[in-house]
């Protein structure tokens, strides 16, 4: 496959939130992908510049130049969801930032992977008003991926990507199983030996919840996660304030599965 230097840029999803904790550290899909690649690429080194809470413009401003300086031959770019859920969302500005990153990375000669986003309305029903934004941004990402020759992992068409078992309780970050599926999807898109389209296979059906249970679940989510998130926004704070990249330098990777 020929990959020797892998760099991930992005926000909390690429940092790995939902797959580990603050004490033990976060693994995440990008770490899992690097471990899978290392099984086929002797001597692979990997850096992860992603930082939670970052908007697309911040990823571009803070991570693009350092990533290019590492001279990667493989880059993953996942950003835009933090913008999309905010009241002042500017689709044109977010698209311009993503496009600039894809242009720069592909022009450097690196194989560049990017993603569409799953159907947020099916993950968090109270956020269904954001669905048109997801549809529009996904269309824009598909266009820019084609324009720059980036590898696209198109998650939206696959129902499994909205299965609650793939998501943490906050519904913002993938659970360990979700991170494993994302890593497997990228490995399949890159043609890693032994990786196939089974990442999109559905899980066994869940027993339906009675309406009162569904309503209670939504109220609990608002109290535990949506409320505190809104409070941080009102205070002008971010979960990433004061944080830096967990793996800013290219370092060797231990080969494992996803």
C-alpha atoms as a PDB file:
ATOM      1  CA  UNK A   1       0.000   0.000   0.000  1.00  0.00           C
ATOM      2  CA  UNK A   2       2.968   2.286   0.505  1.00  0.00           C
ATOM      3  CA  UNK A   3       1.819   4.432   3.422  1.00  0.00           C
ATOM      4  CA  UNK A   4       4.619   5.393   5.769  1.00  0.00           C
ATOM      5  CA  UNK A   5       3.435   8.651   7.386  1.00  0.00           C
ATOM      6  CA  UNK A   6      -0.199   9.016   8.492  1.00  0.00           C
ATOM      7  CA  UNK A   7      -1.590  12.258   9.974  1.00  0.00           C
ATOM      8  CA  UNK A   8      -5.142  12.798  11.269  1.00  0.00           C
ATOM      9  CA  UNK A   9      -6.642  16.281  11.546  1.00  0.00           C
ATOM     10  CA  UNK A  10     -10.022  17.254  12.932  1.00  0.00           C
ATOM     11  CA  UNK A  11     -12.042  17.581  16.115  1.00  0.00           C
ATOM     12  CA  UNK A  12     -13.181  15.331  18.971  1.00  0.00           C
ATOM     13  CA  UNK A  13     -14.242  12.443  16.755  1.00  0.00           C
ATOM     14  CA  UNK A  14     -10.720  12.096  15.349  1.00  0.00           C
ATOM     15  CA  UNK A  15      -9.223  12.742  18.779  1.00  0.00           C
ATOM     16  CA  UNK A  16     -11.139   9.656  19.897  1.00  0.00           C
ATOM     17  CA  UNK A  17     -13.696  10.851  22.444  1.00  0.00           C
ATOM     18  CA  UNK A  18     -16.132   8.104  23.332  1.00  0.00           C
ATOM     19  CA  UNK A  19     -13.450   5.414  23.014  1.00  0.00           C
ATOM     20  CA  UNK A  20     -11.610   5.589  26.337  1.00  0.00           C
ATOM     21  CA  UNK A  21     -11.594   8.192  29.082  1.00  0.00           C
ATOM     22  CA  UNK A  22      -9.618  11.076  30.535  1.00  0.00           C
ATOM     23  CA  UNK A  23      -7.587   8.804  32.812  1.00  0.00           C
ATOM     24  CA  UNK A  24      -6.646   6.012  30.412  1.00  0.00           C
ATOM     25  CA  UNK A  25      -6.635   8.199  27.308  1.00  0.00           C
ATOM     26  CA  UNK A  26      -8.668   8.054  24.133  1.00  0.00           C
ATOM     27  CA  UNK A  27      -8.094   5.563  21.351  1.00  0.00           C
ATOM     28  CA  UNK A  28     -10.609   6.411  18.626  1.00  0.00           C
ATOM     29  CA  UNK A  29     -11.011   5.446  14.990  1.00  0.00           C
ATOM     30  CA  UNK A  30      -7.841   7.200  13.789  1.00  0.00           C
ATOM     31  CA  UNK A  31      -5.695   5.291  16.293  1.00  0.00           C
ATOM     32  CA  UNK A  32      -7.488   2.079  15.307  1.00  0.00           C
ATOM     33  CA  UNK A  33      -6.875   2.802  11.625  1.00  0.00           C
ATOM     34  CA  UNK A  34      -3.194   3.467  12.260  1.00  0.00           C
ATOM     35  CA  UNK A  35      -2.914   0.155  14.114  1.00  0.00           C
ATOM     36  CA  UNK A  36      -4.570  -1.671  11.215  1.00  0.00           C
ATOM     37  CA  UNK A  37      -2.298  -0.005   8.665  1.00  0.00           C
ATOM     38  CA  UNK A  38       0.749  -0.861  10.758  1.00  0.00           C
ATOM     39  CA  UNK A  39      -0.047  -4.548  10.313  1.00  0.00           C
ATOM     40  CA  UNK A  40       0.598  -4.085   6.579  1.00  0.00           C
ATOM     41  CA  UNK A  41       3.031  -1.170   6.561  1.00  0.00           C
ATOM     42  CA  UNK A  42       6.257  -1.964   8.420  1.00  0.00           C
ATOM     43  CA  UNK A  43       7.645   1.182   9.996  1.00  0.00           C
ATOM     44  CA  UNK A  44       4.421   3.243   9.753  1.00  0.00           C
ATOM     45  CA  UNK A  45       4.506   6.407  11.868  1.00  0.00           C
ATOM     46  CA  UNK A  46       1.387   8.301  12.911  1.00  0.00           C
ATOM     47  CA  UNK A  47       0.440  11.720  14.298  1.00  0.00           C
ATOM     48  CA  UNK A  48      -2.983  12.902  15.463  1.00  0.00           C
ATOM     49  CA  UNK A  49      -3.410  16.684  15.548  1.00  0.00           C
ATOM     50  CA  UNK A  50      -7.168  16.636  16.208  1.00  0.00           C
ATOM     51  CA  UNK A  51      -8.499  18.605  19.195  1.00  0.00           C
ATOM     52  CA  UNK A  52     -12.010  18.418  20.605  1.00  0.00           C
ATOM     53  CA  UNK A  53     -14.349  21.364  20.092  1.00  0.00           C
ATOM     54  CA  UNK A  54     -12.521  22.740  17.076  1.00  0.00           C
ATOM     55  CA  UNK A  55     -14.530  24.363  14.290  1.00  0.00           C
ATOM     56  CA  UNK A  56     -13.574  23.765  10.667  1.00  0.00           C
ATOM     57  CA  UNK A  57     -11.876  27.163  10.465  1.00  0.00           C
ATOM     58  CA  UNK A  58      -9.844  26.374  13.570  1.00  0.00           C
ATOM     59  CA  UNK A  59      -8.798  23.007  12.192  1.00  0.00           C
ATOM     60  CA  UNK A  60      -7.615  24.760   9.051  1.00  0.00           C
ATOM     61  CA  UNK A  61      -5.828  27.549  10.948  1.00  0.00           C
ATOM     62  CA  UNK A  62      -4.221  25.386  13.631  1.00  0.00           C
ATOM     63  CA  UNK A  63      -3.658  21.979  12.045  1.00  0.00           C
ATOM     64  CA  UNK A  64      -3.188  22.344   8.284  1.00  0.00           C
ATOM     65  CA  UNK A  65       0.319  23.826   8.291  1.00  0.00           C
ATOM     66  CA  UNK A  66       1.677  21.527  11.046  1.00  0.00           C
ATOM     67  CA  UNK A  67       0.210  18.527   9.240  1.00  0.00           C
ATOM     68  CA  UNK A  68       1.829  19.488   5.939  1.00  0.00           C
ATOM     69  CA  UNK A  69       5.143  20.041   7.739  1.00  0.00           C
ATOM     70  CA  UNK A  70       5.058  16.376   8.780  1.00  0.00           C
ATOM     71  CA  UNK A  71       5.091  15.434   5.064  1.00  0.00           C
ATOM     72  CA  UNK A  72       2.387  12.767   5.325  1.00  0.00           C
ATOM     73  CA  UNK A  73       1.529  10.377   2.529  1.00  0.00           C
ATOM     74  CA  UNK A  74      -1.880   9.679   4.129  1.00  0.00           C
ATOM     75  CA  UNK A  75      -4.161  12.266   5.748  1.00  0.00           C
ATOM     76  CA  UNK A  76      -7.674  12.001   7.173  1.00  0.00           C
ATOM     77  CA  UNK A  77      -9.812  15.137   7.438  1.00  0.00           C
ATOM     78  CA  UNK A  78     -12.965  15.074   9.578  1.00  0.00           C
ATOM     79  CA  UNK A  79     -14.387  18.474  10.540  1.00  0.00           C
ATOM     80  CA  UNK A  80     -17.548  20.546  10.257  1.00  0.00           C
ATOM     81  CA  UNK A  81     -19.990  18.960  12.700  1.00  0.00           C
ATOM     82  CA  UNK A  82     -19.122  21.406  15.474  1.00  0.00           C
ATOM     83  CA  UNK A  83     -19.992  24.219  13.075  1.00  0.00           C
ATOM     84  CA  UNK A  84     -23.174  22.578  11.840  1.00  0.00           C
ATOM     85  CA  UNK A  85     -24.802  22.338  15.271  1.00  0.00           C
ATOM     86  CA  UNK A  86     -24.205  25.995  16.156  1.00  0.00           C
ATOM     87  CA  UNK A  87     -26.851  28.722  15.623  1.00  0.00           C
ATOM     88  CA  UNK A  88     -24.524  30.886  13.517  1.00  0.00           C
ATOM     89  CA  UNK A  89     -23.632  28.119  11.089  1.00  0.00           C
ATOM     90  CA  UNK A  90     -22.232  29.434   7.785  1.00  0.00           C
ATOM     91  CA  UNK A  91     -22.290  26.653   5.185  1.00  0.00           C
ATOM     92  CA  UNK A  92     -20.197  28.603   2.684  1.00  0.00           C
ATOM     93  CA  UNK A  93     -17.458  29.364   5.212  1.00  0.00           C
ATOM     94  CA  UNK A  94     -17.295  25.774   6.454  1.00  0.00           C
ATOM     95  CA  UNK A  95     -17.189  24.456   2.897  1.00  0.00           C
ATOM     96  CA  UNK A  96     -14.393  26.885   2.021  1.00  0.00           C
ATOM     97  CA  UNK A  97     -12.312  25.695   4.985  1.00  0.00           C
ATOM     98  CA  UNK A  98     -12.829  22.023   4.159  1.00  0.00           C
ATOM     99  CA  UNK A  99     -12.135  22.637   0.492  1.00  0.00           C
ATOM    100  CA  UNK A 100      -8.901  24.482   1.274  1.00  0.00           C
ATOM    101  CA  UNK A 101      -7.676  21.602   3.410  1.00  0.00           C
ATOM    102  CA  UNK A 102      -8.510  18.971   0.811  1.00  0.00           C
ATOM    103  CA  UNK A 103      -6.850  21.082  -1.876  1.00  0.00           C
ATOM    104  CA  UNK A 104      -3.661  21.540   0.136  1.00  0.00           C
ATOM    105  CA  UNK A 105      -3.324  17.931   1.231  1.00  0.00           C
ATOM    106  CA  UNK A 106      -4.027  16.405  -2.182  1.00  0.00           C
ATOM    107  CA  UNK A 107      -1.704  18.919  -3.848  1.00  0.00           C
ATOM    108  CA  UNK A 108       1.059  17.749  -1.514  1.00  0.00           C
ATOM    109  CA  UNK A 109       0.698  14.264  -2.967  1.00  0.00           C
ATOM    110  CA  UNK A 110      -0.866  12.712   0.128  1.00  0.00           C
ATOM    111  CA  UNK A 111      -3.746  10.290  -0.188  1.00  0.00           C
ATOM    112  CA  UNK A 112      -6.478  12.306   1.513  1.00  0.00           C
ATOM    113  CA  UNK A 113      -9.585  10.813   3.102  1.00  0.00           C
ATOM    114  CA  UNK A 114     -12.681  12.760   4.101  1.00  0.00           C
ATOM    115  CA  UNK A 115     -16.199  11.899   5.249  1.00  0.00           C
ATOM    116  CA  UNK A 116     -19.867  12.703   4.981  1.00  0.00           C
ATOM    117  CA  UNK A 117     -21.879  12.858   8.197  1.00  0.00           C
ATOM    118  CA  UNK A 118     -24.641  10.449   9.255  1.00  0.00           C
ATOM    119  CA  UNK A 119     -28.294  11.425   9.623  1.00  0.00           C
ATOM    120  CA  UNK A 120     -28.287  13.446  12.845  1.00  0.00           C
ATOM    121  CA  UNK A 121     -32.099  13.376  12.983  1.00  0.00           C
ATOM    122  CA  UNK A 122     -32.021   9.614  13.503  1.00  0.00           C
ATOM    123  CA  UNK A 123     -29.285   9.793  16.135  1.00  0.00           C
ATOM    124  CA  UNK A 124     -30.858  12.626  18.152  1.00  0.00           C
ATOM    125  CA  UNK A 125     -34.520  13.195  17.183  1.00  0.00           C
ATOM    126  CA  UNK A 126     -34.615  16.550  18.980  1.00  0.00           C
ATOM    127  CA  UNK A 127     -31.940  17.742  16.530  1.00  0.00           C
ATOM    128  CA  UNK A 128     -33.993  16.856  13.430  1.00  0.00           C
ATOM    129  CA  UNK A 129     -34.204  20.509  12.378  1.00  0.00           C
ATOM    130  CA  UNK A 130     -30.486  20.230  11.561  1.00  0.00           C
ATOM    131  CA  UNK A 131     -31.053  17.515   8.973  1.00  0.00           C
ATOM    132  CA  UNK A 132     -31.209  19.953   5.989  1.00  0.00           C
ATOM    133  CA  UNK A 133     -27.817  21.292   7.005  1.00  0.00           C
ATOM    134  CA  UNK A 134     -26.380  17.766   7.073  1.00  0.00           C
ATOM    135  CA  UNK A 135     -27.798  16.982   3.639  1.00  0.00           C
ATOM    136  CA  UNK A 136     -26.414  20.201   2.170  1.00  0.00           C
ATOM    137  CA  UNK A 137     -22.959  19.877   3.731  1.00  0.00           C
ATOM    138  CA  UNK A 138     -22.717  16.249   2.646  1.00  0.00           C
ATOM    139  CA  UNK A 139     -23.498  17.235  -0.938  1.00  0.00           C
ATOM    140  CA  UNK A 140     -20.786  19.885  -0.786  1.00  0.00           C
ATOM    141  CA  UNK A 141     -18.261  17.406   0.638  1.00  0.00           C
ATOM    142  CA  UNK A 142     -19.018  14.909  -2.139  1.00  0.00           C
ATOM    143  CA  UNK A 143     -18.405  17.594  -4.754  1.00  0.00           C
ATOM    144  CA  UNK A 144     -15.122  18.792  -3.262  1.00  0.00           C
ATOM    145  CA  UNK A 145     -13.877  15.221  -2.774  1.00  0.00           C
ATOM    146  CA  UNK A 146     -14.454  14.542  -6.481  1.00  0.00           C
ATOM    147  CA  UNK A 147     -12.845  17.842  -7.462  1.00  0.00           C
ATOM    148  CA  UNK A 148      -9.655  17.180  -5.529  1.00  0.00           C
ATOM    149  CA  UNK A 149      -9.456  13.421  -5.966  1.00  0.00           C
ATOM    150  CA  UNK A 150      -9.886  12.722  -2.252  1.00  0.00           C
ATOM    151  CA  UNK A 151     -11.061   9.352  -0.968  1.00  0.00           C
ATOM    152  CA  UNK A 152     -14.607   9.741   0.330  1.00  0.00           C
ATOM    153  CA  UNK A 153     -16.100   7.631   3.115  1.00  0.00           C
ATOM    154  CA  UNK A 154     -19.783   8.270   2.526  1.00  0.00           C
ATOM    155  CA  UNK A 155     -21.444   7.327   5.816  1.00  0.00           C
ATOM    156  CA  UNK A 156     -24.867   8.902   5.299  1.00  0.00           C
ATOM    157  CA  UNK A 157     -26.462   6.220   3.057  1.00  0.00           C
ATOM    158  CA  UNK A 158     -25.775   3.412   5.541  1.00  0.00           C
ATOM    159  CA  UNK A 159     -28.473   2.894   8.222  1.00  0.00           C
ATOM    160  CA  UNK A 160     -26.027   1.298  10.657  1.00  0.00           C
ATOM    161  CA  UNK A 161     -24.303   4.660  11.148  1.00  0.00           C
ATOM    162  CA  UNK A 162     -27.338   5.870  13.118  1.00  0.00           C
ATOM    163  CA  UNK A 163     -27.694   2.744  15.255  1.00  0.00           C
ATOM    164  CA  UNK A 164     -27.605   3.931  18.900  1.00  0.00           C
ATOM    165  CA  UNK A 165     -25.161   1.144  19.776  1.00  0.00           C
ATOM    166  CA  UNK A 166     -22.530   2.928  17.674  1.00  0.00           C
ATOM    167  CA  UNK A 167     -22.911   6.149  19.671  1.00  0.00           C
ATOM    168  CA  UNK A 168     -21.977   7.273  23.156  1.00  0.00           C
ATOM    169  CA  UNK A 169     -24.643   8.434  25.564  1.00  0.00           C
ATOM    170  CA  UNK A 170     -24.033  12.059  24.511  1.00  0.00           C
ATOM    171  CA  UNK A 171     -24.950  11.169  20.877  1.00  0.00           C
ATOM    172  CA  UNK A 172     -22.135  13.423  19.713  1.00  0.00           C
ATOM    173  CA  UNK A 173     -19.252  10.982  19.841  1.00  0.00           C
ATOM    174  CA  UNK A 174     -18.960   7.463  18.562  1.00  0.00           C
ATOM    175  CA  UNK A 175     -18.849   4.639  21.082  1.00  0.00           C
ATOM    176  CA  UNK A 176     -16.005   2.093  20.845  1.00  0.00           C
ATOM    177  CA  UNK A 177     -18.050   0.032  18.376  1.00  0.00           C
ATOM    178  CA  UNK A 178     -18.700   3.169  16.321  1.00  0.00           C
ATOM    179  CA  UNK A 179     -15.024   4.082  16.252  1.00  0.00           C
ATOM    180  CA  UNK A 180     -14.217   0.529  15.173  1.00  0.00           C
ATOM    181  CA  UNK A 181     -16.745   0.795  12.325  1.00  0.00           C
ATOM    182  CA  UNK A 182     -15.313   4.142  11.158  1.00  0.00           C
ATOM    183  CA  UNK A 183     -11.777   2.730  11.150  1.00  0.00           C
ATOM    184  CA  UNK A 184     -12.978  -0.297   9.197  1.00  0.00           C
ATOM    185  CA  UNK A 185     -14.782   1.943   6.701  1.00  0.00           C
ATOM    186  CA  UNK A 186     -11.613   3.926   6.021  1.00  0.00           C
ATOM    187  CA  UNK A 187      -9.525   0.771   5.760  1.00  0.00           C
ATOM    188  CA  UNK A 188     -11.994  -0.596   3.210  1.00  0.00           C
ATOM    189  CA  UNK A 189     -11.974   2.667   1.239  1.00  0.00           C
ATOM    190  CA  UNK A 190      -8.163   2.525   1.129  1.00  0.00           C
ATOM    191  CA  UNK A 191      -8.183  -1.087  -0.020  1.00  0.00           C
ATOM    192  CA  UNK A 192      -6.342  -2.454   3.000  1.00  0.00           C
ATOM    193  CA  UNK A 193      -5.970  -6.226   2.548  1.00  0.00           C
ATOM    194  CA  UNK A 194      -8.559  -8.203   4.499  1.00  0.00           C
ATOM    195  CA  UNK A 195     -10.883  -5.200   4.942  1.00  0.00           C
ATOM    196  CA  UNK A 196     -14.256  -5.263   3.221  1.00  0.00           C
ATOM    197  CA  UNK A 197     -17.668  -3.592   3.230  1.00  0.00           C
ATOM    198  CA  UNK A 198     -18.855  -5.495   6.307  1.00  0.00           C
ATOM    199  CA  UNK A 199     -18.349  -2.300   8.345  1.00  0.00           C
ATOM    200  CA  UNK A 200     -21.766  -1.233   6.990  1.00  0.00           C
ATOM    201  CA  UNK A 201     -23.555  -4.444   7.984  1.00  0.00           C
ATOM    202  CA  UNK A 202     -26.550  -3.830  10.259  1.00  0.00           C
ATOM    203  CA  UNK A 203     -26.558  -4.999  13.859  1.00  0.00           C
ATOM    204  CA  UNK A 204     -29.274  -7.363  15.152  1.00  0.00           C
ATOM    205  CA  UNK A 205     -32.588  -5.497  15.564  1.00  0.00           C
ATOM    206  CA  UNK A 206     -33.286  -3.772  18.852  1.00  0.00           C
ATOM    207  CA  UNK A 207     -36.514  -4.387  20.714  1.00  0.00           C
ATOM    208  CA  UNK A 208     -38.841  -1.394  20.178  1.00  0.00           C
ATOM    209  CA  UNK A 209     -39.181   1.009  23.089  1.00  0.00           C
ATOM    210  CA  UNK A 210     -42.633   2.068  24.290  1.00  0.00           C
ATOM    211  CA  UNK A 211     -43.392   5.775  23.749  1.00  0.00           C
ATOM    212  CA  UNK A 212     -42.999   6.644  27.422  1.00  0.00           C
ATOM    213  CA  UNK A 213     -39.508   5.140  27.460  1.00  0.00           C
ATOM    214  CA  UNK A 214     -38.523   7.043  24.326  1.00  0.00           C
ATOM    215  CA  UNK A 215     -39.762  10.300  25.841  1.00  0.00           C
ATOM    216  CA  UNK A 216     -37.883   9.635  29.073  1.00  0.00           C
ATOM    217  CA  UNK A 217     -34.705   8.877  27.149  1.00  0.00           C
ATOM    218  CA  UNK A 218     -34.955  12.175  25.265  1.00  0.00           C
ATOM    219  CA  UNK A 219     -35.544  14.168  28.450  1.00  0.00           C
ATOM    220  CA  UNK A 220     -32.591  12.484  30.151  1.00  0.00           C
ATOM    221  CA  UNK A 221     -30.367  13.326  27.157  1.00  0.00           C
ATOM    222  CA  UNK A 222     -31.435  16.991  27.286  1.00  0.00           C
ATOM    223  CA  UNK A 223     -30.645  17.214  30.997  1.00  0.00           C
ATOM    224  CA  UNK A 224     -27.348  15.350  30.883  1.00  0.00           C
ATOM    225  CA  UNK A 225     -25.848  16.527  27.606  1.00  0.00           C
ATOM    226  CA  UNK A 226     -27.783  19.098  25.574  1.00  0.00           C
ATOM    227  CA  UNK A 227     -28.318  21.475  28.500  1.00  0.00           C
ATOM    228  CA  UNK A 228     -24.650  21.612  29.557  1.00  0.00           C
ATOM    229  CA  UNK A 229     -23.596  21.972  25.899  1.00  0.00           C
ATOM    230  CA  UNK A 230     -25.912  24.965  25.448  1.00  0.00           C
ATOM    231  CA  UNK A 231     -24.640  26.492  28.686  1.00  0.00           C
ATOM    232  CA  UNK A 232     -21.049  26.301  27.433  1.00  0.00           C
ATOM    233  CA  UNK A 233     -22.097  28.004  24.205  1.00  0.00           C
ATOM    234  CA  UNK A 234     -23.804  30.837  26.122  1.00  0.00           C
ATOM    235  CA  UNK A 235     -20.647  31.321  28.187  1.00  0.00           C
ATOM    236  CA  UNK A 236     -18.479  31.310  25.069  1.00  0.00           C
ATOM    237  CA  UNK A 237     -16.608  28.245  26.234  1.00  0.00           C
ATOM    238  CA  UNK A 238     -15.529  25.104  24.393  1.00  0.00           C
ATOM    239  CA  UNK A 239     -14.651  21.597  25.521  1.00  0.00           C
ATOM    240  CA  UNK A 240     -11.307  22.115  23.800  1.00  0.00           C
ATOM    241  CA  UNK A 241     -10.278  25.267  25.634  1.00  0.00           C
ATOM    242  CA  UNK A 242      -6.656  24.950  26.717  1.00  0.00           C
ATOM    243  CA  UNK A 243      -6.180  21.582  25.016  1.00  0.00           C
ATOM    244  CA  UNK A 244      -3.546  20.577  22.493  1.00  0.00           C
ATOM    245  CA  UNK A 245      -3.117  17.606  20.173  1.00  0.00           C
ATOM    246  CA  UNK A 246      -2.689  14.256  21.901  1.00  0.00           C
ATOM    247  CA  UNK A 247      -0.085  13.007  19.396  1.00  0.00           C
ATOM    248  CA  UNK A 248       1.566  16.008  17.712  1.00  0.00           C
ATOM    249  CA  UNK A 249       4.602  14.117  16.429  1.00  0.00           C
ATOM    250  CA  UNK A 250       4.940  11.180  14.076  1.00  0.00           C
ATOM    251  CA  UNK A 251       5.529   8.125  16.218  1.00  0.00           C
ATOM    252  CA  UNK A 252       5.623   4.369  15.577  1.00  0.00           C
ATOM    253  CA  UNK A 253       2.399   2.382  15.865  1.00  0.00           C
ATOM    254  CA  UNK A 254       1.740  -1.011  17.385  1.00  0.00           C
ATOM    255  CA  UNK A 255      -0.065  -3.201  14.883  1.00  0.00           C
ATOM    256  CA  UNK A 256      -3.452  -4.569  15.992  1.00  0.00           C
ATOM    257  CA  UNK A 257      -6.941  -4.932  14.519  1.00  0.00           C
ATOM    258  CA  UNK A 258      -9.520  -2.145  14.381  1.00  0.00           C
END
